Amino acid sequence: MKNYPDLYLRIWKAVRMVRKGQVATYGQIAQLCDLRGHARLVGYALHNLPPESGVPWHRIINSKGMISLRARTSGHERQKHLLEQEGIVFENGKIDLAKYGAGSRSQGKIRKAHRAKSGRIVKEGEILK
């Protein structure tokens, strides 16, 4: 198994906490990981996910409410399809962050769980149920 940087592991843990049917931005994930201003690092971490990780990478989008992968590529279409399967609706290529965003109340729960001293990996959506 490849040895991944601790920062990537922190980012992947935060991404796992975004509930099914919701999205978060790269910047929000960076902020949750105390990496304010390092949204691109979140993108690099997601790009380097092992295929079998189970991390819901598709729930992370840019601050405009759009998929960052180049349009009409297989990756873009796959991410869009996965989000639509979770009930997320696109209007003119955008997702309504007010409607589908993880929101500040959920972020507080995510942040608290993320900083918990136990250090265990949280299962997808576990904290927000």
N, C-alpha and C. Protein backbone atom coordinates (compact mmCIF):
# COMPACT_ATOMS: atom_id res chain seq x y z
N MET A 1 0.84 -1.19 0.00
CA MET A 1 0.00 0.00 0.00
C MET A 1 0.88 1.24 0.00
N LYS A 2 0.48 2.20 -0.78
CA LYS A 2 1.22 3.45 -0.87
C LYS A 2 1.12 4.23 0.44
N ASN A 3 2.18 4.93 0.80
CA ASN A 3 2.20 5.74 2.01
C ASN A 3 1.75 7.16 1.64
N TYR A 4 0.58 7.57 2.12
CA TYR A 4 0.02 8.87 1.78
C TYR A 4 0.36 9.90 2.86
N PRO A 5 0.51 11.17 2.46
CA PRO A 5 0.78 12.22 3.45
C PRO A 5 -0.37 12.36 4.45
N ASP A 6 -0.03 12.71 5.67
CA ASP A 6 -1.05 12.91 6.71
C ASP A 6 -2.11 13.92 6.29
N LEU A 7 -1.71 14.96 5.55
CA LEU A 7 -2.69 15.95 5.10
C LEU A 7 -3.75 15.31 4.22
N TYR A 8 -3.34 14.42 3.34
CA TYR A 8 -4.31 13.73 2.48
C TYR A 8 -5.27 12.92 3.33
N LEU A 9 -4.75 12.23 4.33
CA LEU A 9 -5.61 11.41 5.19
C LEU A 9 -6.62 12.28 5.92
N ARG A 10 -6.21 13.45 6.39
CA ARG A 10 -7.13 14.38 7.05
C ARG A 10 -8.21 14.85 6.09
N ILE A 11 -7.82 15.16 4.87
CA ILE A 11 -8.77 15.62 3.87
C ILE A 11 -9.76 14.52 3.54
N TRP A 12 -9.29 13.32 3.31
CA TRP A 12 -10.18 12.20 2.98
C TRP A 12 -11.16 11.94 4.12
N LYS A 13 -10.71 12.08 5.35
CA LYS A 13 -11.58 11.88 6.51
C LYS A 13 -12.71 12.92 6.50
N ALA A 14 -12.37 14.16 6.22
CA ALA A 14 -13.39 15.22 6.17
C ALA A 14 -14.37 14.98 5.02
N VAL A 15 -13.89 14.56 3.88
CA VAL A 15 -14.76 14.30 2.72
C VAL A 15 -15.73 13.17 3.04
N ARG A 16 -15.29 12.19 3.78
CA ARG A 16 -16.17 11.06 4.16
C ARG A 16 -17.38 11.53 4.96
N MET A 17 -17.30 12.68 5.57
CA MET A 17 -18.38 13.16 6.43
C MET A 17 -19.44 13.97 5.68
N VAL A 18 -19.26 14.19 4.41
CA VAL A 18 -20.29 14.88 3.62
C VAL A 18 -21.36 13.86 3.29
N ARG A 19 -22.57 14.15 3.73
CA ARG A 19 -23.69 13.21 3.59
C ARG A 19 -24.09 12.97 2.15
N LYS A 20 -24.67 11.83 1.93
CA LYS A 20 -25.28 11.50 0.65
C LYS A 20 -26.34 12.55 0.32
N GLY A 21 -26.36 13.05 -0.91
CA GLY A 21 -27.34 14.05 -1.31
C GLY A 21 -26.90 15.47 -1.01
N GLN A 22 -25.69 15.64 -0.49
CA GLN A 22 -25.15 16.96 -0.22
C GLN A 22 -23.80 17.10 -0.90
N VAL A 23 -23.38 18.35 -1.04
CA VAL A 23 -22.06 18.64 -1.60
C VAL A 23 -21.35 19.62 -0.68
N ALA A 24 -20.04 19.69 -0.83
CA ALA A 24 -19.21 20.68 -0.15
C ALA A 24 -18.22 21.18 -1.19
N THR A 25 -17.67 22.35 -0.94
CA THR A 25 -16.67 22.89 -1.86
C THR A 25 -15.27 22.50 -1.41
N TYR A 26 -14.34 22.59 -2.33
CA TYR A 26 -12.94 22.33 -2.00
C TYR A 26 -12.50 23.24 -0.85
N GLY A 27 -12.91 24.49 -0.91
CA GLY A 27 -12.55 25.46 0.13
C GLY A 27 -13.13 25.10 1.49
N GLN A 28 -14.37 24.61 1.51
CA GLN A 28 -14.98 24.22 2.78
C GLN A 28 -14.22 23.05 3.41
N ILE A 29 -13.84 22.10 2.60
CA ILE A 29 -13.08 20.95 3.12
C ILE A 29 -11.73 21.42 3.64
N ALA A 30 -11.08 22.31 2.89
CA ALA A 30 -9.79 22.85 3.34
C ALA A 30 -9.95 23.54 4.69
N GLN A 31 -11.00 24.33 4.83
CA GLN A 31 -11.25 25.05 6.08
C GLN A 31 -11.49 24.08 7.24
N LEU A 32 -12.25 23.02 6.99
CA LEU A 32 -12.51 22.03 8.03
C LEU A 32 -11.24 21.35 8.51
N CYS A 33 -10.27 21.27 7.61
CA CYS A 33 -8.99 20.62 7.94
C CYS A 33 -7.95 21.62 8.42
N ASP A 34 -8.39 22.82 8.76
CA ASP A 34 -7.48 23.90 9.19
C ASP A 34 -6.44 24.20 8.11
N LEU A 35 -6.89 24.19 6.87
CA LEU A 35 -6.03 24.48 5.72
C LEU A 35 -6.63 25.62 4.90
N ARG A 36 -7.15 26.63 5.59
CA ARG A 36 -7.80 27.75 4.92
C ARG A 36 -6.89 28.29 3.81
N GLY A 37 -7.49 28.51 2.64
CA GLY A 37 -6.74 29.05 1.51
C GLY A 37 -6.02 27.99 0.69
N HIS A 38 -6.23 26.73 1.03
CA HIS A 38 -5.54 25.65 0.32
C HIS A 38 -6.52 24.69 -0.35
N ALA A 39 -7.51 25.26 -1.02
CA ALA A 39 -8.51 24.44 -1.70
C ALA A 39 -7.88 23.53 -2.75
N ARG A 40 -6.84 24.00 -3.40
CA ARG A 40 -6.19 23.16 -4.42
C ARG A 40 -5.58 21.90 -3.82
N LEU A 41 -5.12 22.01 -2.58
CA LEU A 41 -4.57 20.83 -1.91
C LEU A 41 -5.64 19.76 -1.76
N VAL A 42 -6.88 20.18 -1.52
CA VAL A 42 -8.00 19.24 -1.44
C VAL A 42 -8.15 18.54 -2.79
N GLY A 43 -8.06 19.31 -3.87
CA GLY A 43 -8.14 18.71 -5.20
C GLY A 43 -7.03 17.71 -5.45
N TYR A 44 -5.82 18.04 -5.03
CA TYR A 44 -4.69 17.11 -5.21
C TYR A 44 -4.92 15.83 -4.42
N ALA A 45 -5.43 15.99 -3.18
CA ALA A 45 -5.68 14.81 -2.34
C ALA A 45 -6.74 13.91 -2.98
N LEU A 46 -7.79 14.51 -3.53
CA LEU A 46 -8.84 13.71 -4.16
C LEU A 46 -8.34 13.06 -5.45
N HIS A 47 -7.48 13.76 -6.16
CA HIS A 47 -6.90 13.19 -7.39
C HIS A 47 -6.06 11.95 -7.07
N ASN A 48 -5.48 11.92 -5.88
CA ASN A 48 -4.60 10.82 -5.49
C ASN A 48 -5.29 9.74 -4.65
N LEU A 49 -6.60 9.76 -4.61
CA LEU A 49 -7.34 8.72 -3.88
C LEU A 49 -7.06 7.34 -4.46
N PRO A 50 -6.83 6.37 -3.61
CA PRO A 50 -6.76 4.99 -4.13
C PRO A 50 -8.15 4.59 -4.63
N PRO A 51 -8.24 3.87 -5.72
CA PRO A 51 -9.54 3.52 -6.30
C PRO A 51 -10.48 2.80 -5.33
N GLU A 52 -9.95 2.02 -4.44
CA GLU A 52 -10.77 1.23 -3.52
C GLU A 52 -11.08 1.95 -2.21
N SER A 53 -10.82 3.23 -2.13
CA SER A 53 -10.92 3.98 -0.87
C SER A 53 -12.35 4.12 -0.33
N GLY A 54 -13.33 4.21 -1.19
CA GLY A 54 -14.70 4.43 -0.74
C GLY A 54 -14.99 5.87 -0.33
N VAL A 55 -14.03 6.77 -0.50
CA VAL A 55 -14.23 8.19 -0.16
C VAL A 55 -15.14 8.80 -1.23
N PRO A 56 -16.22 9.48 -0.82
CA PRO A 56 -17.17 10.04 -1.80
C PRO A 56 -16.65 11.34 -2.44
N TRP A 57 -15.61 11.22 -3.20
CA TRP A 57 -14.94 12.35 -3.87
C TRP A 57 -15.90 13.16 -4.72
N HIS A 58 -16.91 12.50 -5.25
CA HIS A 58 -17.83 13.15 -6.18
C HIS A 58 -18.67 14.24 -5.52
N ARG A 59 -18.73 14.27 -4.19
CA ARG A 59 -19.53 15.27 -3.48
C ARG A 59 -18.79 16.59 -3.28
N ILE A 60 -17.58 16.69 -3.79
CA ILE A 60 -16.79 17.91 -3.64
C ILE A 60 -16.77 18.65 -4.98
N ILE A 61 -17.21 19.91 -4.93
CA ILE A 61 -17.32 20.72 -6.14
C ILE A 61 -16.66 22.08 -5.90
N ASN A 62 -16.62 22.91 -6.94
CA ASN A 62 -15.98 24.21 -6.76
C ASN A 62 -16.95 25.23 -6.15
N SER A 63 -16.44 26.38 -5.81
CA SER A 63 -17.23 27.40 -5.10
C SER A 63 -18.31 28.04 -5.97
N LYS A 64 -18.29 27.78 -7.27
CA LYS A 64 -19.33 28.27 -8.16
C LYS A 64 -20.51 27.30 -8.23
N GLY A 65 -20.37 26.17 -7.54
CA GLY A 65 -21.41 25.15 -7.59
C GLY A 65 -21.29 24.24 -8.80
N MET A 66 -20.11 24.19 -9.36
CA MET A 66 -19.89 23.41 -10.58
C MET A 66 -18.86 22.31 -10.36
N ILE A 67 -18.92 21.29 -11.19
CA ILE A 67 -17.91 20.25 -11.23
C ILE A 67 -16.65 20.85 -11.83
N SER A 68 -15.52 20.62 -11.20
CA SER A 68 -14.27 21.22 -11.67
C SER A 68 -13.62 20.45 -12.82
N LEU A 69 -13.93 19.17 -12.93
CA LEU A 69 -13.35 18.39 -14.03
C LEU A 69 -13.84 18.94 -15.37
N ARG A 70 -12.98 18.90 -16.35
CA ARG A 70 -13.30 19.44 -17.67
C ARG A 70 -14.58 18.82 -18.22
N ALA A 71 -15.48 19.68 -18.69
CA ALA A 71 -16.77 19.24 -19.24
C ALA A 71 -16.57 18.28 -20.41
N ARG A 72 -17.52 17.39 -20.52
CA ARG A 72 -17.56 16.40 -21.59
C ARG A 72 -16.40 15.40 -21.54
N THR A 73 -15.81 15.23 -20.37
CA THR A 73 -14.82 14.18 -20.18
C THR A 73 -15.48 13.06 -19.39
N SER A 74 -14.88 11.89 -19.41
CA SER A 74 -15.49 10.77 -18.69
C SER A 74 -15.55 11.04 -17.19
N GLY A 75 -14.54 11.69 -16.62
CA GLY A 75 -14.54 12.01 -15.20
C GLY A 75 -15.66 12.96 -14.82
N HIS A 76 -15.87 13.98 -15.65
CA HIS A 76 -16.95 14.95 -15.41
C HIS A 76 -18.30 14.26 -15.47
N GLU A 77 -18.48 13.45 -16.49
CA GLU A 77 -19.77 12.75 -16.65
C GLU A 77 -20.01 11.77 -15.52
N ARG A 78 -18.95 11.10 -15.07
CA ARG A 78 -19.09 10.15 -13.94
C ARG A 78 -19.49 10.89 -12.67
N GLN A 79 -18.83 12.02 -12.38
CA GLN A 79 -19.16 12.78 -11.17
C GLN A 79 -20.60 13.28 -11.24
N LYS A 80 -20.98 13.81 -12.38
CA LYS A 80 -22.35 14.31 -12.53
C LYS A 80 -23.37 13.18 -12.33
N HIS A 81 -23.09 12.04 -12.92
CA HIS A 81 -23.99 10.89 -12.79
C HIS A 81 -24.12 10.45 -11.33
N LEU A 82 -23.00 10.36 -10.62
CA LEU A 82 -23.04 9.96 -9.21
C LEU A 82 -23.83 10.95 -8.36
N LEU A 83 -23.67 12.23 -8.62
CA LEU A 83 -24.41 13.25 -7.88
C LEU A 83 -25.91 13.17 -8.19
N GLU A 84 -26.24 13.00 -9.46
CA GLU A 84 -27.65 12.89 -9.84
C GLU A 84 -28.29 11.66 -9.22
N GLN A 85 -27.54 10.57 -9.10
CA GLN A 85 -28.07 9.36 -8.45
C GLN A 85 -28.42 9.62 -6.99
N GLU A 86 -27.75 10.61 -6.38
CA GLU A 86 -28.03 10.95 -4.99
C GLU A 86 -29.12 12.01 -4.87
N GLY A 87 -29.72 12.39 -5.99
CA GLY A 87 -30.83 13.33 -5.96
C GLY A 87 -30.45 14.79 -6.17
N ILE A 88 -29.21 15.04 -6.48
CA ILE A 88 -28.76 16.41 -6.69
C ILE A 88 -29.13 16.84 -8.11
N VAL A 89 -29.71 18.01 -8.23
CA VAL A 89 -30.19 18.53 -9.51
C VAL A 89 -29.25 19.61 -10.00
N PHE A 90 -28.92 19.55 -11.28
CA PHE A 90 -28.10 20.56 -11.93
C PHE A 90 -29.01 21.50 -12.71
N GLU A 91 -28.78 22.79 -12.60
CA GLU A 91 -29.49 23.78 -13.40
C GLU A 91 -28.44 24.60 -14.14
N ASN A 92 -28.44 24.49 -15.46
CA ASN A 92 -27.45 25.16 -16.29
C ASN A 92 -26.03 24.80 -15.87
N GLY A 93 -25.81 23.54 -15.54
CA GLY A 93 -24.49 23.05 -15.18
C GLY A 93 -24.06 23.36 -13.76
N LYS A 94 -24.97 23.92 -12.95
CA LYS A 94 -24.61 24.30 -11.58
C LYS A 94 -25.50 23.60 -10.57
N ILE A 95 -24.94 23.48 -9.37
CA ILE A 95 -25.67 22.93 -8.23
C ILE A 95 -25.99 24.09 -7.29
N ASP A 96 -27.20 24.15 -6.80
CA ASP A 96 -27.60 25.19 -5.86
C ASP A 96 -26.98 24.87 -4.50
N LEU A 97 -25.94 25.61 -4.14
CA LEU A 97 -25.24 25.37 -2.87
C LEU A 97 -26.12 25.65 -1.66
N ALA A 98 -27.05 26.58 -1.80
CA ALA A 98 -27.97 26.87 -0.69
C ALA A 98 -28.87 25.67 -0.42
N LYS A 99 -29.21 24.93 -1.46
CA LYS A 99 -30.10 23.79 -1.32
C LYS A 99 -29.35 22.49 -1.00
N TYR A 100 -28.22 22.26 -1.66
CA TYR A 100 -27.52 20.98 -1.54
C TYR A 100 -26.20 21.07 -0.77
N GLY A 101 -25.79 22.27 -0.39
CA GLY A 101 -24.54 22.43 0.34
C GLY A 101 -24.64 21.85 1.74
N ALA A 102 -23.51 21.42 2.26
CA ALA A 102 -23.48 20.81 3.60
C ALA A 102 -23.97 21.80 4.65
N GLY A 103 -23.85 23.11 4.42
CA GLY A 103 -24.40 24.11 5.32
C GLY A 103 -23.59 24.31 6.58
N SER A 104 -23.71 25.47 7.17
CA SER A 104 -22.89 25.82 8.32
C SER A 104 -23.23 24.99 9.56
N ARG A 105 -24.50 24.63 9.75
CA ARG A 105 -24.87 23.82 10.91
C ARG A 105 -24.22 22.44 10.82
N SER A 106 -24.28 21.83 9.63
CA SER A 106 -23.65 20.53 9.42
C SER A 106 -22.15 20.65 9.54
N GLN A 107 -21.58 21.74 9.05
CA GLN A 107 -20.14 21.92 9.11
C GLN A 107 -19.65 21.93 10.54
N GLY A 108 -20.41 22.53 11.43
CA GLY A 108 -20.03 22.53 12.84
C GLY A 108 -19.93 21.12 13.39
N LYS A 109 -20.88 20.28 13.03
CA LYS A 109 -20.85 18.88 13.46
C LYS A 109 -19.67 18.16 12.83
N ILE A 110 -19.42 18.43 11.56
CA ILE A 110 -18.29 17.80 10.89
C ILE A 110 -16.99 18.23 11.55
N ARG A 111 -16.84 19.53 11.78
CA ARG A 111 -15.60 20.04 12.37
C ARG A 111 -15.37 19.42 13.74
N LYS A 112 -16.41 19.35 14.55
CA LYS A 112 -16.28 18.79 15.90
C LYS A 112 -15.84 17.32 15.80
N ALA A 113 -16.47 16.58 14.93
CA ALA A 113 -16.12 15.17 14.77
C ALA A 113 -14.72 15.00 14.20
N HIS A 114 -14.38 15.87 13.27
CA HIS A 114 -13.08 15.78 12.62
C HIS A 114 -11.95 16.00 13.62
N ARG A 115 -12.19 16.85 14.59
CA ARG A 115 -11.17 17.17 15.58
C ARG A 115 -11.21 16.26 16.79
N ALA A 116 -12.14 15.32 16.79
CA ALA A 116 -12.25 14.41 17.94
C ALA A 116 -10.92 13.69 18.15
N LYS A 117 -10.61 13.47 19.39
CA LYS A 117 -9.32 12.89 19.73
C LYS A 117 -9.21 11.42 19.39
N SER A 118 -10.31 10.77 19.11
CA SER A 118 -10.26 9.33 18.86
C SER A 118 -9.43 9.00 17.64
N GLY A 119 -9.47 9.88 16.63
CA GLY A 119 -8.68 9.69 15.43
C GLY A 119 -9.18 8.59 14.52
N ARG A 120 -10.29 7.94 14.85
CA ARG A 120 -10.77 6.87 13.97
C ARG A 120 -11.39 7.46 12.72
N ILE A 121 -11.35 6.72 11.65
CA ILE A 121 -11.97 7.15 10.40
C ILE A 121 -13.48 7.02 10.57
N VAL A 122 -14.19 8.08 10.25
CA VAL A 122 -15.64 8.09 10.39
C VAL A 122 -16.25 7.55 9.11
N LYS A 123 -17.22 6.71 9.24
CA LYS A 123 -17.91 6.17 8.08
C LYS A 123 -18.72 7.25 7.42
N GLU A 124 -18.96 7.10 6.14
CA GLU A 124 -19.70 8.08 5.35
C GLU A 124 -21.01 8.47 6.01
N GLY A 125 -21.18 9.76 6.28
CA GLY A 125 -22.43 10.28 6.81
C GLY A 125 -22.69 9.98 8.27
N GLU A 126 -21.79 9.28 8.94
CA GLU A 126 -22.04 8.83 10.31
C GLU A 126 -22.36 9.97 11.27
N ILE A 127 -21.62 11.06 11.18
CA ILE A 127 -21.78 12.15 12.13
C ILE A 127 -23.08 12.91 11.90
N LEU A 128 -23.52 12.97 10.66
CA LEU A 128 -24.65 13.85 10.35
C LEU A 128 -26.01 13.15 10.47
N LYS A 129 -26.04 11.89 10.77
CA LYS A 129 -27.32 11.18 10.89
C LYS A 129 -28.02 11.55 12.17
